[in-house]
């Protein structure tokens, strides 16, 4: 399930409770997500696409594999924004940065590439 967050500036927050996602698109303002875990959905070859514009998006939940196999995280920006992965992610697929900046929060493992 893809989710699109649209705002008219400022900062917004969003709390998940065991969400299963294949995509997250943020535009118009900074977004901070928090919660327990985001499971990468089975669609899109077990890939979670996180895209932002010139805003920043912080994913505080742990990103975990789908029971179907290794799950990849793909990040990108269409305007110079930053994707911040702040959770204790356990997904076993790779992490790809197509554009923009990927920031791993302090203390995160450097296995993301």
N, C-alpha and C. Protein backbone atom coordinates (compact mmCIF):
# COMPACT_ATOMS: atom_id res chain seq x y z
N UNK A 1 0.84 -1.16 0.00
CA UNK A 1 0.00 0.00 0.00
C UNK A 1 0.89 1.24 0.00
N UNK A 2 0.76 2.14 -0.98
CA UNK A 2 1.50 3.40 -0.94
C UNK A 2 0.75 4.44 -0.13
N UNK A 3 1.47 5.32 0.52
CA UNK A 3 0.87 6.42 1.27
C UNK A 3 1.49 7.72 0.78
N UNK A 4 0.64 8.72 0.54
CA UNK A 4 1.12 10.03 0.13
C UNK A 4 0.77 11.03 1.22
N UNK A 5 1.76 11.78 1.67
CA UNK A 5 1.56 12.80 2.69
C UNK A 5 1.78 14.16 2.05
N UNK A 6 0.76 14.99 2.05
CA UNK A 6 0.81 16.30 1.42
C UNK A 6 0.51 17.35 2.47
N UNK A 7 1.33 18.37 2.58
CA UNK A 7 1.05 19.44 3.52
C UNK A 7 1.40 20.77 2.88
N UNK A 8 1.02 21.83 3.52
CA UNK A 8 1.29 23.16 2.97
C UNK A 8 2.41 23.84 3.73
N UNK A 9 3.39 23.10 4.11
CA UNK A 9 4.53 23.65 4.83
C UNK A 9 4.50 23.25 6.29
N UNK A 10 5.55 23.62 6.99
CA UNK A 10 5.63 23.26 8.40
C UNK A 10 6.06 21.82 8.56
N UNK A 11 5.74 21.25 9.70
CA UNK A 11 6.13 19.88 10.00
C UNK A 11 4.89 19.07 10.40
N UNK A 12 4.90 17.82 10.03
CA UNK A 12 3.80 16.92 10.36
C UNK A 12 4.37 15.65 10.96
N UNK A 13 3.56 14.96 11.73
CA UNK A 13 3.98 13.67 12.29
C UNK A 13 2.91 12.64 11.99
N UNK A 14 3.34 11.39 11.97
CA UNK A 14 2.47 10.28 11.63
C UNK A 14 2.94 9.08 12.43
N UNK A 15 2.01 8.36 13.06
CA UNK A 15 2.35 7.19 13.85
C UNK A 15 1.78 5.95 13.19
N UNK A 16 2.63 4.94 13.02
CA UNK A 16 2.17 3.67 12.45
C UNK A 16 2.00 2.65 13.56
N UNK A 17 1.22 1.65 13.28
CA UNK A 17 1.06 0.54 14.21
C UNK A 17 1.08 -0.74 13.39
N UNK A 18 2.28 -1.21 13.08
CA UNK A 18 2.42 -2.44 12.31
C UNK A 18 2.01 -2.28 10.86
N UNK A 19 2.33 -1.16 10.22
CA UNK A 19 1.94 -0.92 8.83
C UNK A 19 2.73 -1.78 7.87
N UNK A 20 2.10 -2.17 6.75
CA UNK A 20 2.77 -2.85 5.65
C UNK A 20 2.69 -1.92 4.45
N UNK A 21 3.86 -1.50 3.93
CA UNK A 21 3.91 -0.49 2.88
C UNK A 21 4.83 -0.90 1.74
N UNK A 22 4.53 -0.37 0.55
CA UNK A 22 5.45 -0.47 -0.58
C UNK A 22 5.95 0.90 -1.01
N UNK A 23 5.30 1.96 -0.55
CA UNK A 23 5.73 3.28 -0.95
C UNK A 23 5.27 4.35 0.00
N UNK A 24 6.10 5.39 0.12
CA UNK A 24 5.78 6.54 0.94
C UNK A 24 6.28 7.77 0.20
N UNK A 25 5.37 8.69 -0.13
CA UNK A 25 5.69 9.91 -0.87
C UNK A 25 5.34 11.10 -0.01
N UNK A 26 6.31 11.98 0.21
CA UNK A 26 6.09 13.16 1.04
C UNK A 26 6.35 14.41 0.22
N UNK A 27 5.44 15.40 0.34
CA UNK A 27 5.67 16.68 -0.33
C UNK A 27 5.05 17.80 0.48
N UNK A 28 5.68 18.96 0.46
CA UNK A 28 5.10 20.15 1.06
C UNK A 28 5.55 20.48 2.46
N UNK A 29 6.21 19.62 3.15
CA UNK A 29 6.67 19.90 4.51
C UNK A 29 7.37 18.71 5.11
N UNK A 30 8.14 18.92 6.15
CA UNK A 30 8.86 17.83 6.79
C UNK A 30 7.87 16.86 7.44
N UNK A 31 8.19 15.58 7.40
CA UNK A 31 7.35 14.54 7.97
C UNK A 31 8.19 13.66 8.88
N UNK A 32 7.67 13.39 10.07
CA UNK A 32 8.32 12.48 11.00
C UNK A 32 7.36 11.34 11.29
N UNK A 33 7.79 10.12 11.00
CA UNK A 33 7.00 8.91 11.24
C UNK A 33 7.56 8.21 12.47
N UNK A 34 6.68 7.68 13.30
CA UNK A 34 7.12 6.91 14.46
C UNK A 34 6.14 5.76 14.66
N UNK A 35 6.55 4.78 15.38
CA UNK A 35 5.70 3.64 15.65
C UNK A 35 6.54 2.41 15.91
N UNK A 36 5.92 1.25 15.77
CA UNK A 36 6.61 0.01 16.11
C UNK A 36 7.43 -0.54 14.95
N UNK A 37 6.80 -0.78 13.81
CA UNK A 37 7.53 -1.38 12.68
C UNK A 37 6.79 -1.11 11.38
N UNK A 38 7.55 -1.02 10.31
CA UNK A 38 7.00 -0.97 8.96
C UNK A 38 7.48 -2.24 8.27
N UNK A 39 6.55 -3.07 7.85
CA UNK A 39 6.88 -4.27 7.09
C UNK A 39 6.82 -3.92 5.61
N UNK A 40 7.85 -4.30 4.87
CA UNK A 40 7.87 -4.04 3.44
C UNK A 40 6.85 -4.96 2.78
N UNK A 41 5.96 -4.39 1.97
CA UNK A 41 4.90 -5.15 1.32
C UNK A 41 5.42 -6.10 0.26
N UNK A 42 4.58 -7.06 -0.11
CA UNK A 42 4.96 -8.08 -1.08
C UNK A 42 4.95 -7.55 -2.51
N UNK A 43 4.23 -6.46 -2.78
CA UNK A 43 4.21 -5.89 -4.12
C UNK A 43 5.55 -5.25 -4.44
N UNK A 44 5.76 -4.94 -5.71
CA UNK A 44 6.96 -4.21 -6.13
C UNK A 44 8.24 -4.96 -5.77
N UNK A 45 8.22 -6.28 -5.86
CA UNK A 45 9.40 -7.11 -5.59
C UNK A 45 9.99 -6.89 -4.20
N UNK A 46 9.12 -6.78 -3.19
CA UNK A 46 9.57 -6.59 -1.81
C UNK A 46 10.46 -5.35 -1.69
N UNK A 47 9.98 -4.23 -2.23
CA UNK A 47 10.74 -2.99 -2.23
C UNK A 47 9.90 -1.90 -1.59
N UNK A 48 10.50 -1.13 -0.69
CA UNK A 48 9.86 0.01 -0.07
C UNK A 48 10.50 1.26 -0.66
N UNK A 49 9.72 2.03 -1.43
CA UNK A 49 10.21 3.27 -2.03
C UNK A 49 9.81 4.44 -1.13
N UNK A 50 10.80 5.23 -0.71
CA UNK A 50 10.56 6.40 0.13
C UNK A 50 11.04 7.61 -0.67
N UNK A 51 10.10 8.47 -1.09
CA UNK A 51 10.41 9.60 -1.95
C UNK A 51 9.95 10.88 -1.27
N UNK A 52 10.77 11.93 -1.36
CA UNK A 52 10.41 13.23 -0.80
C UNK A 52 10.77 14.32 -1.79
N UNK A 53 10.21 15.52 -1.56
CA UNK A 53 10.57 16.65 -2.41
C UNK A 53 11.73 17.38 -1.73
N UNK A 54 11.67 18.67 -1.59
CA UNK A 54 12.74 19.42 -0.92
C UNK A 54 12.63 19.30 0.60
N UNK A 55 11.62 18.60 1.07
CA UNK A 55 11.40 18.41 2.51
C UNK A 55 12.18 17.20 3.01
N UNK A 56 12.21 17.06 4.31
CA UNK A 56 12.84 15.89 4.93
C UNK A 56 11.77 14.94 5.41
N UNK A 57 12.08 13.65 5.39
CA UNK A 57 11.19 12.64 5.94
C UNK A 57 12.02 11.75 6.86
N UNK A 58 11.55 11.61 8.10
CA UNK A 58 12.23 10.77 9.09
C UNK A 58 11.37 9.54 9.35
N UNK A 59 11.95 8.36 9.16
CA UNK A 59 11.28 7.10 9.45
C UNK A 59 11.85 6.60 10.78
N UNK A 60 11.04 6.68 11.83
CA UNK A 60 11.49 6.26 13.15
C UNK A 60 11.24 4.80 13.46
N UNK A 61 10.26 4.21 12.77
CA UNK A 61 9.95 2.79 12.99
C UNK A 61 11.06 1.90 12.44
N UNK A 62 11.10 0.68 12.93
CA UNK A 62 12.01 -0.32 12.38
C UNK A 62 11.45 -0.81 11.05
N UNK A 63 12.28 -0.87 10.02
CA UNK A 63 11.87 -1.43 8.73
C UNK A 63 12.27 -2.89 8.73
N UNK A 64 11.28 -3.77 8.52
CA UNK A 64 11.53 -5.21 8.62
C UNK A 64 11.15 -5.91 7.31
N UNK A 65 11.75 -7.08 7.08
CA UNK A 65 11.46 -7.90 5.91
C UNK A 65 10.01 -8.38 5.91
N UNK A 66 9.50 -8.58 4.73
CA UNK A 66 8.24 -9.27 4.54
C UNK A 66 8.53 -10.75 4.73
N UNK A 67 7.57 -11.53 5.17
CA UNK A 67 7.80 -12.96 5.38
C UNK A 67 8.16 -13.68 4.08
N UNK A 68 7.96 -13.01 2.93
CA UNK A 68 8.27 -13.62 1.64
C UNK A 68 9.73 -13.56 1.25
N UNK A 69 10.55 -12.82 1.98
CA UNK A 69 11.96 -12.77 1.64
C UNK A 69 12.60 -11.43 1.94
N UNK A 70 13.85 -11.28 1.50
CA UNK A 70 14.61 -10.06 1.73
C UNK A 70 13.90 -8.86 1.12
N UNK A 71 13.93 -7.75 1.82
CA UNK A 71 13.24 -6.55 1.38
C UNK A 71 14.23 -5.40 1.22
N UNK A 72 14.11 -4.68 0.12
CA UNK A 72 15.01 -3.57 -0.19
C UNK A 72 14.33 -2.25 0.12
N UNK A 73 15.13 -1.26 0.52
CA UNK A 73 14.65 0.10 0.73
C UNK A 73 15.29 0.97 -0.35
N UNK A 74 14.45 1.73 -1.08
CA UNK A 74 14.92 2.63 -2.13
C UNK A 74 14.50 4.04 -1.75
N UNK A 75 15.45 4.97 -1.71
CA UNK A 75 15.13 6.35 -1.35
C UNK A 75 15.42 7.27 -2.52
N UNK A 76 14.76 8.41 -2.52
CA UNK A 76 14.99 9.40 -3.55
C UNK A 76 14.37 10.72 -3.20
N UNK A 77 14.82 11.76 -3.89
CA UNK A 77 14.30 13.10 -3.68
C UNK A 77 14.16 13.78 -5.03
N UNK A 78 13.07 14.48 -5.22
CA UNK A 78 12.87 15.23 -6.46
C UNK A 78 13.20 16.70 -6.26
N UNK A 79 13.72 17.06 -5.10
CA UNK A 79 14.03 18.46 -4.86
C UNK A 79 15.11 18.71 -3.84
N UNK A 80 15.93 17.72 -3.55
CA UNK A 80 17.03 17.91 -2.62
C UNK A 80 16.74 17.59 -1.18
N UNK A 81 15.61 16.95 -0.89
CA UNK A 81 15.27 16.59 0.48
C UNK A 81 16.10 15.43 1.00
N UNK A 82 15.91 15.13 2.28
CA UNK A 82 16.67 14.08 2.94
C UNK A 82 15.72 13.04 3.51
N UNK A 83 16.07 11.77 3.30
CA UNK A 83 15.37 10.65 3.94
C UNK A 83 16.24 10.22 5.12
N UNK A 84 15.65 10.21 6.31
CA UNK A 84 16.38 9.86 7.53
C UNK A 84 15.81 8.55 8.05
N UNK A 85 16.66 7.52 8.13
CA UNK A 85 16.25 6.23 8.69
C UNK A 85 16.74 6.19 10.13
N UNK A 86 15.81 6.29 11.07
CA UNK A 86 16.16 6.41 12.49
C UNK A 86 15.86 5.15 13.30
N UNK A 87 15.18 4.17 12.71
CA UNK A 87 14.84 2.96 13.44
C UNK A 87 15.96 1.93 13.41
N UNK A 88 15.78 0.87 14.20
CA UNK A 88 16.73 -0.24 14.21
C UNK A 88 16.29 -1.22 13.12
N UNK A 89 16.59 -0.87 11.88
CA UNK A 89 16.10 -1.62 10.72
C UNK A 89 16.75 -3.00 10.63
N UNK A 90 15.91 -3.99 10.31
CA UNK A 90 16.41 -5.36 10.19
C UNK A 90 16.16 -5.95 8.81
N UNK A 91 15.72 -5.12 7.86
CA UNK A 91 15.52 -5.64 6.51
C UNK A 91 16.84 -6.16 5.97
N UNK A 92 16.81 -7.27 5.24
CA UNK A 92 18.04 -7.93 4.80
C UNK A 92 18.39 -7.64 3.35
N UNK A 93 17.53 -6.91 2.64
CA UNK A 93 17.87 -6.49 1.29
C UNK A 93 18.73 -5.24 1.36
N UNK A 94 19.15 -4.75 0.22
CA UNK A 94 20.00 -3.57 0.17
C UNK A 94 19.23 -2.29 0.40
N UNK A 95 19.97 -1.20 0.45
CA UNK A 95 19.40 0.14 0.51
C UNK A 95 20.01 0.93 -0.64
N UNK A 96 19.16 1.48 -1.51
CA UNK A 96 19.61 2.19 -2.69
C UNK A 96 19.20 3.65 -2.59
N UNK A 97 20.14 4.55 -2.87
CA UNK A 97 19.86 5.98 -2.91
C UNK A 97 19.87 6.40 -4.37
N UNK A 98 18.68 6.72 -4.91
CA UNK A 98 18.60 7.14 -6.31
C UNK A 98 18.90 8.61 -6.48
N UNK A 99 18.55 9.42 -5.51
CA UNK A 99 18.83 10.86 -5.55
C UNK A 99 18.59 11.43 -4.17
N UNK A 100 19.04 12.65 -3.95
CA UNK A 100 18.88 13.26 -2.64
C UNK A 100 19.87 12.70 -1.64
N UNK A 101 19.54 12.81 -0.37
CA UNK A 101 20.45 12.42 0.70
C UNK A 101 19.79 11.39 1.60
N UNK A 102 20.54 10.37 1.97
CA UNK A 102 20.11 9.39 2.96
C UNK A 102 20.93 9.60 4.20
N UNK A 103 20.26 9.79 5.34
CA UNK A 103 20.93 10.01 6.61
C UNK A 103 20.56 8.85 7.53
N UNK A 104 21.56 8.14 8.01
CA UNK A 104 21.33 7.08 8.99
C UNK A 104 21.48 7.69 10.37
N UNK A 105 20.45 7.59 11.18
CA UNK A 105 20.48 8.20 12.50
C UNK A 105 21.62 7.64 13.33
N UNK A 106 22.04 8.40 14.28
CA UNK A 106 23.16 8.01 15.14
C UNK A 106 22.97 6.61 15.70
N UNK A 107 24.02 5.81 15.63
CA UNK A 107 23.98 4.47 16.18
C UNK A 107 23.45 3.40 15.25
N UNK A 108 23.06 3.78 14.04
CA UNK A 108 22.55 2.80 13.09
C UNK A 108 23.68 2.02 12.47
N UNK A 109 23.48 0.76 12.15
CA UNK A 109 24.52 -0.04 11.50
C UNK A 109 24.83 0.52 10.12
N UNK A 110 26.07 0.38 9.69
CA UNK A 110 26.48 0.92 8.40
C UNK A 110 26.29 -0.08 7.27
N UNK A 111 25.54 -1.17 7.49
CA UNK A 111 25.34 -2.17 6.44
C UNK A 111 24.46 -1.64 5.31
N UNK A 112 23.72 -0.52 5.52
CA UNK A 112 22.92 0.07 4.45
C UNK A 112 23.85 0.64 3.42
N UNK A 113 23.57 0.38 2.14
CA UNK A 113 24.45 0.88 1.09
C UNK A 113 23.64 1.48 -0.02
